Amino acid sequence: MGTYNPCIQCGACCAFFRVSFFWEETSLVNPDGVPQEMTKEVSEFLQCMQGTDQPAPRCIALIGKIGEEVGCAIYTRRSSTCREFGLHLEHGDLQVDGENLTRCNQARQAWNLPPLTRSDLRRATHYPSIRQAPKPVHSSHKQHLIR
């Protein structure tokens, strides 16, 4: 049994924020990195996911319908920015820090989705296994979702 993860039905963050990260996270440097052809140069040191740098953003890797069921076409190769954002499974419970919850709800509001609360996370029930967010990967290059 896995833990229910509301991100699987949401996806609002993937269609609200610009997803920027250090260029060395791409397949240009790391064969298992973010596919270079799915990124766009932001600056000398930053890349972003295609589709996230426009007025109505939507990540090129986002699959599905926001608010219903979504996935990531490059989930195992996603950037540290995506790995570190949102809900994380810790000790069998879904966890999110206050800043991420605020930003999550900012994206959810833009898509007319109800806010996610800490009590929603406490009430999360067990379902058959689904994609679970891994523990955040920490690197020397702090990345941020940028709006």
Protein backbone atom coordinates (compact mmCIF):
# COMPACT_ATOMS: atom_id res chain seq x y z
CA MET A 1 0.00 0.00 0.00
CA GLY A 2 1.26 3.48 -0.84
CA THR A 3 0.37 6.87 0.54
CA TYR A 4 -2.13 8.97 -1.37
CA ASN A 5 -0.32 11.95 -2.85
CA PRO A 6 -2.52 14.91 -3.92
CA CYS A 7 0.18 15.97 -6.44
CA ILE A 8 -0.93 13.09 -8.68
CA GLN A 9 -4.30 14.79 -9.18
CA CYS A 10 -3.00 18.36 -9.21
CA GLY A 11 -0.06 19.39 -11.43
CA ALA A 12 -0.82 23.09 -10.96
CA CYS A 13 2.79 23.89 -10.06
CA CYS A 14 3.93 22.48 -13.44
CA ALA A 15 1.63 24.95 -15.19
CA PHE A 16 2.23 28.00 -13.04
CA PHE A 17 5.92 28.44 -12.17
CA ARG A 18 9.01 28.81 -14.34
CA VAL A 19 11.14 25.76 -13.57
CA SER A 20 14.76 26.94 -13.58
CA PHE A 21 17.84 24.95 -12.64
CA PHE A 22 21.62 24.88 -13.08
CA TRP A 23 22.59 23.93 -16.65
CA GLU A 24 24.80 21.04 -15.49
CA GLU A 25 21.65 19.12 -14.53
CA THR A 26 20.90 18.57 -18.21
CA SER A 27 21.78 15.55 -20.35
CA LEU A 28 24.44 17.71 -22.00
CA VAL A 29 26.60 17.00 -18.92
CA ASN A 30 24.83 14.06 -17.25
CA PRO A 31 23.32 11.35 -19.48
CA ASP A 32 20.67 10.69 -16.81
CA GLY A 33 19.92 14.40 -16.39
CA VAL A 34 17.05 16.52 -17.67
CA PRO A 35 16.81 15.96 -21.44
CA GLN A 36 18.57 18.97 -22.98
CA GLU A 37 16.04 19.11 -25.85
CA MET A 38 13.26 19.79 -23.30
CA THR A 39 15.01 22.84 -21.85
CA LYS A 40 15.63 26.43 -22.81
CA GLU A 41 18.53 28.69 -21.85
CA VAL A 42 17.63 31.40 -19.32
CA SER A 43 21.13 32.72 -18.70
CA GLU A 44 24.73 31.57 -18.95
CA PHE A 45 24.21 29.28 -15.94
CA LEU A 46 20.47 28.55 -15.89
CA GLN A 47 18.15 26.45 -18.02
CA CYS A 48 14.39 26.15 -17.65
CA MET A 49 11.90 23.57 -18.77
CA GLN A 50 10.38 24.49 -22.13
CA GLY A 51 6.91 25.94 -21.76
CA THR A 52 7.47 27.30 -18.25
CA ASP A 53 8.89 30.67 -19.32
CA GLN A 54 5.77 32.11 -20.94
CA PRO A 55 2.72 34.04 -19.71
CA ALA A 56 0.55 30.88 -19.62
CA PRO A 57 3.19 28.35 -18.52
CA ARG A 58 2.92 24.58 -18.88
CA CYS A 59 5.95 22.33 -18.58
CA ILE A 60 6.70 20.32 -21.69
CA ALA A 61 7.03 17.19 -19.50
CA LEU A 62 3.58 17.54 -17.87
CA ILE A 63 1.18 14.79 -18.95
CA GLY A 64 -2.54 14.75 -18.17
CA LYS A 65 -5.21 17.17 -17.07
CA ILE A 66 -4.52 19.58 -14.23
CA GLY A 67 -6.76 18.95 -11.24
CA GLU A 68 -7.67 15.44 -12.37
CA GLU A 69 -4.69 13.21 -13.05
CA VAL A 70 -1.17 14.20 -14.04
CA GLY A 71 2.30 12.78 -14.38
CA CYS A 72 5.76 13.74 -15.50
CA ALA A 73 7.18 12.34 -18.72
CA ILE A 74 10.70 12.61 -17.27
CA TYR A 75 9.95 11.90 -13.59
CA THR A 76 13.18 9.98 -12.89
CA ARG A 77 15.20 12.60 -14.80
CA ARG A 78 13.50 15.74 -13.45
CA SER A 79 15.52 18.67 -12.13
CA SER A 80 16.45 19.30 -8.51
CA THR A 81 13.95 22.16 -8.57
CA CYS A 82 11.12 19.70 -9.12
CA ARG A 83 12.57 17.12 -6.72
CA GLU A 84 12.77 19.64 -3.90
CA PHE A 85 9.36 21.27 -4.41
CA GLY A 86 6.10 20.02 -2.99
CA LEU A 87 5.17 17.02 -0.91
CA HIS A 88 7.69 14.48 0.32
CA LEU A 89 7.18 11.11 1.95
CA GLU A 90 8.85 10.92 5.36
CA HIS A 91 8.29 8.07 7.82
CA GLY A 92 5.19 6.99 5.89
CA ASP A 93 3.56 10.43 6.07
CA LEU A 94 3.32 13.19 3.48
CA GLN A 95 5.23 16.27 4.58
CA VAL A 96 5.51 19.78 3.18
CA ASP A 97 7.17 22.87 4.59
CA GLY A 98 5.24 26.12 4.99
CA GLU A 99 6.89 27.89 2.05
CA ASN A 100 6.17 25.02 -0.34
CA LEU A 101 2.58 24.73 0.89
CA THR A 102 2.06 28.48 0.32
CA ARG A 103 3.51 28.27 -3.18
CA CYS A 104 1.56 25.09 -3.93
CA ASN A 105 -1.67 26.83 -2.96
CA GLN A 106 -0.75 29.87 -5.06
CA ALA A 107 -0.56 27.59 -8.11
CA ARG A 108 -3.71 25.69 -7.10
CA GLN A 109 -5.63 28.98 -6.77
CA ALA A 110 -4.58 30.00 -10.29
CA TRP A 111 -6.18 26.76 -11.56
CA ASN A 112 -9.32 27.21 -9.39
CA LEU A 113 -8.41 24.24 -7.22
CA PRO A 114 -9.16 24.27 -3.49
CA PRO A 115 -6.21 25.00 -1.21
CA LEU A 116 -4.32 22.08 0.24
CA THR A 117 -4.07 22.25 4.04
CA ARG A 118 -1.90 20.50 6.58
CA SER A 119 -5.02 18.75 7.88
CA ASP A 120 -5.59 17.40 4.34
CA LEU A 121 -2.14 15.84 4.57
CA ARG A 122 -2.86 14.35 8.00
CA ARG A 123 -6.08 12.82 6.64
CA ALA A 124 -4.35 11.34 3.59
CA THR A 125 -5.40 7.71 3.40
CA HIS A 126 -3.62 4.68 2.04
CA TYR A 127 -4.24 3.54 -1.52
CA PRO A 128 -2.45 1.04 -3.75
CA SER A 129 1.04 2.27 -4.57
CA ILE A 130 1.36 5.36 -6.74
CA ARG A 131 4.30 7.56 -7.66
CA GLN A 132 5.76 8.88 -4.44
CA ALA A 133 7.92 11.98 -4.21
CA PRO A 134 11.48 11.11 -3.21
CA LYS A 135 13.36 12.83 -0.45
CA PRO A 136 14.79 16.14 -1.68
CA VAL A 137 18.20 16.07 -3.33
CA HIS A 138 20.45 18.72 -1.86
CA SER A 139 23.11 20.25 -4.05
CA SER A 140 25.58 23.05 -3.79
CA HIS A 141 23.49 25.02 -6.28
CA LYS A 142 20.27 26.12 -4.59
CA GLN A 143 17.46 26.09 -7.15
CA HIS A 144 14.06 27.73 -6.93
CA LEU A 145 10.81 27.68 -8.76
CA ILE A 146 10.59 31.21 -10.08
CA ARG A 147 7.37 33.01 -10.92
